[in-house]
C-alpha cells in the first residue's frame, strides 16, 4: 500500500510539473476607471489539472488507510480509525471539489 502512495505522489508531482500553473494577466480597463483584477492562476491543460487532483486524492485516501491499518495491527481497539479516516478524507474531497467548482464558476 505504501508503494501505491509513493507512485501516486510521483504521478501528482509529474502532472503538476507538466501542467504547471501560469498566471493569466488581468485585463483591467483603465479607461473606465474600474478596479484592477488580480492575476488568476490557470493550468495549461485542464485534463492534467483533473488528473493531478485525482492522484492527490488517491494518495491521501491510501495514506490514511495505510496508517489506520498500522494502528489496527498494533492494537485491535483502534479499528475505529479506518472509518474515521475515511469520513475525514471524504469530507476533504467534497469540500475541496466544491470550492474548486465555486472558484471556476466565478471565473466565467
N, C-alpha and C. Protein backbone atom coordinates (compact mmCIF):
# COMPACT_ATOMS: atom_id res chain seq x y z
N UNK A 1 0.83 -1.20 0.00
CA UNK A 1 0.00 0.00 0.00
C UNK A 1 0.87 1.25 0.00
N UNK A 2 2.02 1.16 0.65
CA UNK A 2 2.91 2.33 0.66
C UNK A 2 3.48 2.59 -0.74
N UNK A 3 3.64 1.53 -1.53
CA UNK A 3 4.12 1.72 -2.90
C UNK A 3 3.11 2.51 -3.72
N UNK A 4 1.83 2.24 -3.50
CA UNK A 4 0.78 2.97 -4.22
C UNK A 4 0.83 4.46 -3.83
N UNK A 5 1.04 4.73 -2.56
CA UNK A 5 1.12 6.12 -2.10
C UNK A 5 2.29 6.82 -2.77
N UNK A 6 3.43 6.16 -2.84
CA UNK A 6 4.62 6.76 -3.45
C UNK A 6 4.42 6.97 -4.95
N UNK A 7 3.82 5.98 -5.62
CA UNK A 7 3.57 6.11 -7.06
C UNK A 7 2.59 7.25 -7.33
N UNK A 8 1.51 7.32 -6.54
CA UNK A 8 0.52 8.40 -6.72
C UNK A 8 1.14 9.76 -6.44
N UNK A 9 2.03 9.84 -5.45
CA UNK A 9 2.72 11.09 -5.18
C UNK A 9 3.58 11.50 -6.37
N UNK A 10 4.28 10.53 -6.95
CA UNK A 10 5.09 10.81 -8.13
C UNK A 10 4.25 11.26 -9.32
N UNK A 11 3.11 10.59 -9.53
CA UNK A 11 2.23 10.99 -10.63
C UNK A 11 1.63 12.37 -10.39
N UNK A 12 1.31 12.68 -9.15
CA UNK A 12 0.80 14.01 -8.82
C UNK A 12 1.85 15.07 -9.13
N UNK A 13 3.10 14.82 -8.71
CA UNK A 13 4.17 15.78 -8.99
C UNK A 13 4.40 15.92 -10.49
N UNK A 14 4.33 14.82 -11.23
CA UNK A 14 4.51 14.87 -12.67
C UNK A 14 3.42 15.71 -13.33
N UNK A 15 2.18 15.49 -12.94
CA UNK A 15 1.08 16.29 -13.51
C UNK A 15 1.23 17.77 -13.16
N UNK A 16 1.66 18.06 -11.94
CA UNK A 16 1.86 19.45 -11.54
C UNK A 16 2.97 20.09 -12.37
N UNK A 17 4.03 19.33 -12.63
CA UNK A 17 5.17 19.89 -13.36
C UNK A 17 4.84 20.07 -14.84
N UNK A 18 4.22 19.08 -15.45
CA UNK A 18 3.91 19.15 -16.88
C UNK A 18 2.81 20.17 -17.14
N UNK A 19 1.80 20.18 -16.30
CA UNK A 19 0.70 21.12 -16.49
C UNK A 19 0.83 22.31 -15.58
N UNK A 20 2.05 22.80 -15.43
CA UNK A 20 2.36 23.86 -14.48
C UNK A 20 1.36 25.02 -14.54
N UNK A 21 1.19 25.62 -13.39
CA UNK A 21 0.24 26.72 -13.26
C UNK A 21 0.88 28.00 -13.78
N UNK A 22 0.14 28.70 -14.60
CA UNK A 22 0.59 30.01 -15.09
C UNK A 22 -0.37 31.07 -14.60
N UNK A 23 0.07 32.30 -14.66
CA UNK A 23 -0.80 33.40 -14.27
C UNK A 23 -1.34 34.07 -15.52
N UNK A 24 -2.65 34.21 -15.56
CA UNK A 24 -3.29 34.89 -16.67
C UNK A 24 -3.32 36.37 -16.33
N UNK A 25 -2.80 37.17 -17.22
CA UNK A 25 -2.75 38.60 -16.95
C UNK A 25 -4.16 39.18 -16.96
N UNK A 26 -4.39 40.04 -16.00
CA UNK A 26 -5.72 40.64 -15.92
C UNK A 26 -5.89 41.66 -17.03
N UNK A 27 -7.12 41.83 -17.44
CA UNK A 27 -7.44 42.79 -18.49
C UNK A 27 -8.24 43.93 -17.88
N UNK A 28 -7.56 44.71 -17.09
CA UNK A 28 -8.23 45.82 -16.44
C UNK A 28 -8.43 46.94 -17.45
N UNK A 29 -9.60 47.49 -17.46
CA UNK A 29 -9.93 48.57 -18.38
C UNK A 29 -9.75 49.89 -17.64
N UNK A 30 -8.59 50.52 -17.83
CA UNK A 30 -8.29 51.75 -17.12
C UNK A 30 -9.11 52.93 -17.64
N UNK A 31 -9.64 52.82 -18.85
CA UNK A 31 -10.41 53.92 -19.39
C UNK A 31 -11.72 54.11 -18.63
N UNK A 32 -12.26 53.02 -18.08
CA UNK A 32 -13.49 53.12 -17.29
C UNK A 32 -13.18 53.53 -15.86
N UNK A 33 -11.98 53.21 -15.43
CA UNK A 33 -11.59 53.57 -14.07
C UNK A 33 -12.02 52.53 -13.05
N UNK A 34 -12.32 51.33 -13.52
CA UNK A 34 -12.73 50.25 -12.63
C UNK A 34 -11.55 49.68 -11.87
N UNK A 35 -11.84 48.89 -10.87
CA UNK A 35 -10.75 48.29 -10.09
C UNK A 35 -10.00 47.27 -10.93
N UNK A 36 -8.72 47.16 -10.68
CA UNK A 36 -7.92 46.18 -11.42
C UNK A 36 -8.21 44.79 -10.86
N UNK A 37 -8.22 43.82 -11.74
CA UNK A 37 -8.49 42.44 -11.37
C UNK A 37 -7.16 41.75 -11.16
N UNK A 38 -6.99 41.02 -10.03
CA UNK A 38 -5.71 40.35 -9.81
C UNK A 38 -5.51 39.22 -10.83
N UNK A 39 -4.25 38.90 -11.06
CA UNK A 39 -3.92 37.81 -11.97
C UNK A 39 -4.51 36.51 -11.43
N UNK A 40 -5.06 35.69 -12.32
CA UNK A 40 -5.68 34.44 -11.90
C UNK A 40 -4.86 33.27 -12.39
N UNK A 41 -4.61 32.28 -11.51
CA UNK A 41 -3.83 31.12 -11.94
C UNK A 41 -4.68 30.18 -12.79
N UNK A 42 -4.05 29.52 -13.74
CA UNK A 42 -4.73 28.52 -14.55
C UNK A 42 -3.74 27.46 -14.99
N UNK A 43 -4.25 26.27 -15.28
CA UNK A 43 -3.44 25.18 -15.79
C UNK A 43 -3.34 25.29 -17.30
N UNK A 44 -2.23 24.82 -17.83
CA UNK A 44 -2.06 24.81 -19.27
C UNK A 44 -3.07 23.85 -19.89
N UNK A 45 -3.35 22.74 -19.22
CA UNK A 45 -4.29 21.74 -19.72
C UNK A 45 -5.22 21.33 -18.57
N UNK A 46 -6.51 21.47 -18.78
CA UNK A 46 -7.46 21.15 -17.72
C UNK A 46 -7.50 19.65 -17.42
N UNK A 47 -7.13 18.81 -18.39
CA UNK A 47 -7.08 17.37 -18.15
C UNK A 47 -5.99 17.05 -17.14
N UNK A 48 -4.85 17.71 -17.26
CA UNK A 48 -3.76 17.50 -16.30
C UNK A 48 -4.15 17.99 -14.91
N UNK A 49 -4.94 19.04 -14.85
CA UNK A 49 -5.41 19.52 -13.55
C UNK A 49 -6.31 18.48 -12.90
N UNK A 50 -7.22 17.89 -13.67
CA UNK A 50 -8.12 16.86 -13.14
C UNK A 50 -7.33 15.63 -12.71
N UNK A 51 -6.36 15.21 -13.53
CA UNK A 51 -5.53 14.06 -13.15
C UNK A 51 -4.71 14.35 -11.90
N UNK A 52 -4.21 15.55 -11.80
CA UNK A 52 -3.43 15.94 -10.63
C UNK A 52 -4.28 15.85 -9.37
N UNK A 53 -5.50 16.37 -9.43
CA UNK A 53 -6.39 16.29 -8.27
C UNK A 53 -6.75 14.85 -7.94
N UNK A 54 -6.97 14.04 -8.97
CA UNK A 54 -7.31 12.64 -8.76
C UNK A 54 -6.16 11.89 -8.08
N UNK A 55 -4.94 12.10 -8.55
CA UNK A 55 -3.78 11.45 -7.94
C UNK A 55 -3.59 11.91 -6.50
N UNK A 56 -3.80 13.19 -6.24
CA UNK A 56 -3.67 13.73 -4.88
C UNK A 56 -4.70 13.08 -3.95
N UNK A 57 -5.94 13.00 -4.39
CA UNK A 57 -6.99 12.40 -3.56
C UNK A 57 -6.73 10.91 -3.34
N UNK A 58 -6.27 10.20 -4.37
CA UNK A 58 -5.94 8.79 -4.22
C UNK A 58 -4.80 8.60 -3.22
N UNK A 59 -3.79 9.46 -3.32
CA UNK A 59 -2.66 9.36 -2.41
C UNK A 59 -3.10 9.58 -0.97
N UNK A 60 -3.92 10.60 -0.74
CA UNK A 60 -4.39 10.87 0.62
C UNK A 60 -5.21 9.72 1.17
N UNK A 61 -6.15 9.21 0.38
CA UNK A 61 -7.00 8.13 0.89
C UNK A 61 -6.21 6.86 1.16
N UNK A 62 -5.25 6.53 0.30
CA UNK A 62 -4.42 5.35 0.53
C UNK A 62 -3.49 5.54 1.74
N UNK A 63 -2.98 6.75 1.91
CA UNK A 63 -2.11 7.01 3.06
C UNK A 63 -2.89 6.88 4.37
N UNK A 64 -4.09 7.43 4.41
CA UNK A 64 -4.91 7.33 5.62
C UNK A 64 -5.27 5.87 5.89
N UNK A 65 -5.62 5.12 4.85
CA UNK A 65 -5.94 3.70 5.04
C UNK A 65 -4.73 2.92 5.54
N UNK A 66 -3.54 3.22 5.02
CA UNK A 66 -2.33 2.52 5.46
C UNK A 66 -2.01 2.84 6.92
N UNK A 67 -2.16 4.10 7.29
CA UNK A 67 -1.89 4.50 8.68
C UNK A 67 -2.90 3.84 9.62
N UNK A 68 -4.17 3.83 9.24
CA UNK A 68 -5.20 3.19 10.06
C UNK A 68 -4.92 1.69 10.20
N UNK A 69 -4.46 1.06 9.12
CA UNK A 69 -4.14 -0.36 9.17
C UNK A 69 -2.99 -0.62 10.14
N UNK A 70 -1.96 0.21 10.09
CA UNK A 70 -0.83 0.03 11.00
C UNK A 70 -1.26 0.17 12.46
N UNK A 71 -2.11 1.14 12.74
CA UNK A 71 -2.60 1.30 14.11
C UNK A 71 -3.47 0.12 14.53
N UNK A 72 -4.30 -0.38 13.62
CA UNK A 72 -5.18 -1.50 13.94
C UNK A 72 -4.39 -2.79 14.16
N UNK A 73 -3.30 -2.97 13.43
CA UNK A 73 -2.45 -4.14 13.64
C UNK A 73 -1.81 -4.08 15.02
N UNK A 74 -1.40 -2.87 15.42
CA UNK A 74 -0.77 -2.70 16.72
C UNK A 74 -1.73 -2.86 17.88
N UNK A 75 -2.97 -2.44 17.70
CA UNK A 75 -3.96 -2.51 18.77
C UNK A 75 -5.34 -2.69 18.14
N UNK A 76 -5.98 -3.82 18.42
CA UNK A 76 -7.27 -4.12 17.80
C UNK A 76 -8.36 -3.12 18.17
N UNK A 77 -8.19 -2.44 19.28
CA UNK A 77 -9.20 -1.47 19.70
C UNK A 77 -9.20 -0.21 18.83
N UNK A 78 -8.17 -0.04 18.03
CA UNK A 78 -8.06 1.15 17.18
C UNK A 78 -8.65 0.91 15.79
N UNK A 79 -9.47 -0.11 15.62
CA UNK A 79 -10.10 -0.39 14.33
C UNK A 79 -10.96 0.78 13.87
N UNK A 80 -11.42 1.58 14.81
CA UNK A 80 -12.32 2.70 14.51
C UNK A 80 -11.62 3.79 13.70
N UNK A 81 -10.29 3.80 13.70
CA UNK A 81 -9.56 4.83 12.97
C UNK A 81 -9.80 4.76 11.46
N UNK A 82 -10.02 3.56 10.91
CA UNK A 82 -10.24 3.44 9.47
C UNK A 82 -11.51 4.15 9.02
N UNK A 83 -12.68 3.90 9.63
CA UNK A 83 -13.87 4.65 9.19
C UNK A 83 -13.79 6.14 9.50
N UNK A 84 -13.14 6.50 10.60
CA UNK A 84 -12.99 7.93 10.92
C UNK A 84 -12.12 8.60 9.85
N UNK A 85 -11.03 7.94 9.46
CA UNK A 85 -10.17 8.48 8.40
C UNK A 85 -10.89 8.59 7.08
N UNK A 86 -11.73 7.59 6.78
CA UNK A 86 -12.50 7.62 5.53
C UNK A 86 -13.48 8.79 5.52
N UNK A 87 -14.10 9.05 6.66
CA UNK A 87 -15.03 10.19 6.75
C UNK A 87 -14.29 11.51 6.57
N UNK A 88 -13.12 11.62 7.18
CA UNK A 88 -12.34 12.86 7.08
C UNK A 88 -11.88 13.08 5.63
N UNK A 89 -11.36 12.03 4.98
CA UNK A 89 -10.90 12.16 3.60
C UNK A 89 -12.07 12.48 2.67
N UNK A 90 -13.21 11.81 2.88
CA UNK A 90 -14.38 12.08 2.04
C UNK A 90 -14.85 13.52 2.19
N UNK A 91 -14.87 14.01 3.41
CA UNK A 91 -15.26 15.39 3.66
C UNK A 91 -14.29 16.35 2.99
N UNK A 92 -13.00 16.06 3.10
CA UNK A 92 -11.99 16.91 2.45
C UNK A 92 -12.21 16.96 0.94
N UNK A 93 -12.44 15.80 0.32
CA UNK A 93 -12.62 15.76 -1.13
C UNK A 93 -13.87 16.53 -1.54
N UNK A 94 -14.96 16.35 -0.81
CA UNK A 94 -16.20 17.06 -1.13
C UNK A 94 -16.01 18.57 -1.00
N UNK A 95 -15.39 19.02 0.08
CA UNK A 95 -15.20 20.45 0.30
C UNK A 95 -14.24 21.03 -0.74
N UNK A 96 -13.13 20.34 -1.02
CA UNK A 96 -12.16 20.88 -1.98
C UNK A 96 -12.75 20.94 -3.39
N UNK A 97 -13.51 19.93 -3.78
CA UNK A 97 -14.15 19.96 -5.11
C UNK A 97 -15.22 21.05 -5.17
N UNK A 98 -15.96 21.23 -4.09
CA UNK A 98 -16.99 22.29 -4.06
C UNK A 98 -16.35 23.67 -4.17
N UNK A 99 -15.26 23.88 -3.45
CA UNK A 99 -14.57 25.17 -3.52
C UNK A 99 -13.99 25.40 -4.90
N UNK A 100 -13.44 24.36 -5.52
CA UNK A 100 -12.88 24.49 -6.87
C UNK A 100 -13.99 24.80 -7.87
N UNK A 101 -15.13 24.14 -7.72
CA UNK A 101 -16.26 24.40 -8.61
C UNK A 101 -16.74 25.84 -8.45
N UNK A 102 -16.84 26.31 -7.21
CA UNK A 102 -17.25 27.68 -6.96
C UNK A 102 -16.27 28.67 -7.55
N UNK A 103 -14.97 28.40 -7.39
CA UNK A 103 -13.93 29.27 -7.94
C UNK A 103 -13.99 29.31 -9.46
N UNK A 104 -14.14 28.13 -10.07
CA UNK A 104 -14.17 28.06 -11.54
C UNK A 104 -15.41 28.72 -12.12
N UNK A 105 -16.54 28.63 -11.45
CA UNK A 105 -17.73 29.25 -11.97
C UNK A 105 -17.68 30.77 -11.85
N UNK A 106 -16.92 31.28 -10.88
CA UNK A 106 -16.77 32.73 -10.75
C UNK A 106 -15.87 33.31 -11.84
N UNK A 107 -14.99 32.47 -12.41
CA UNK A 107 -14.09 32.95 -13.46
C UNK A 107 -14.84 33.20 -14.76
N UNK A 108 -15.94 32.52 -14.95
CA UNK A 108 -16.65 32.65 -16.22
C UNK A 108 -17.84 33.49 -16.01
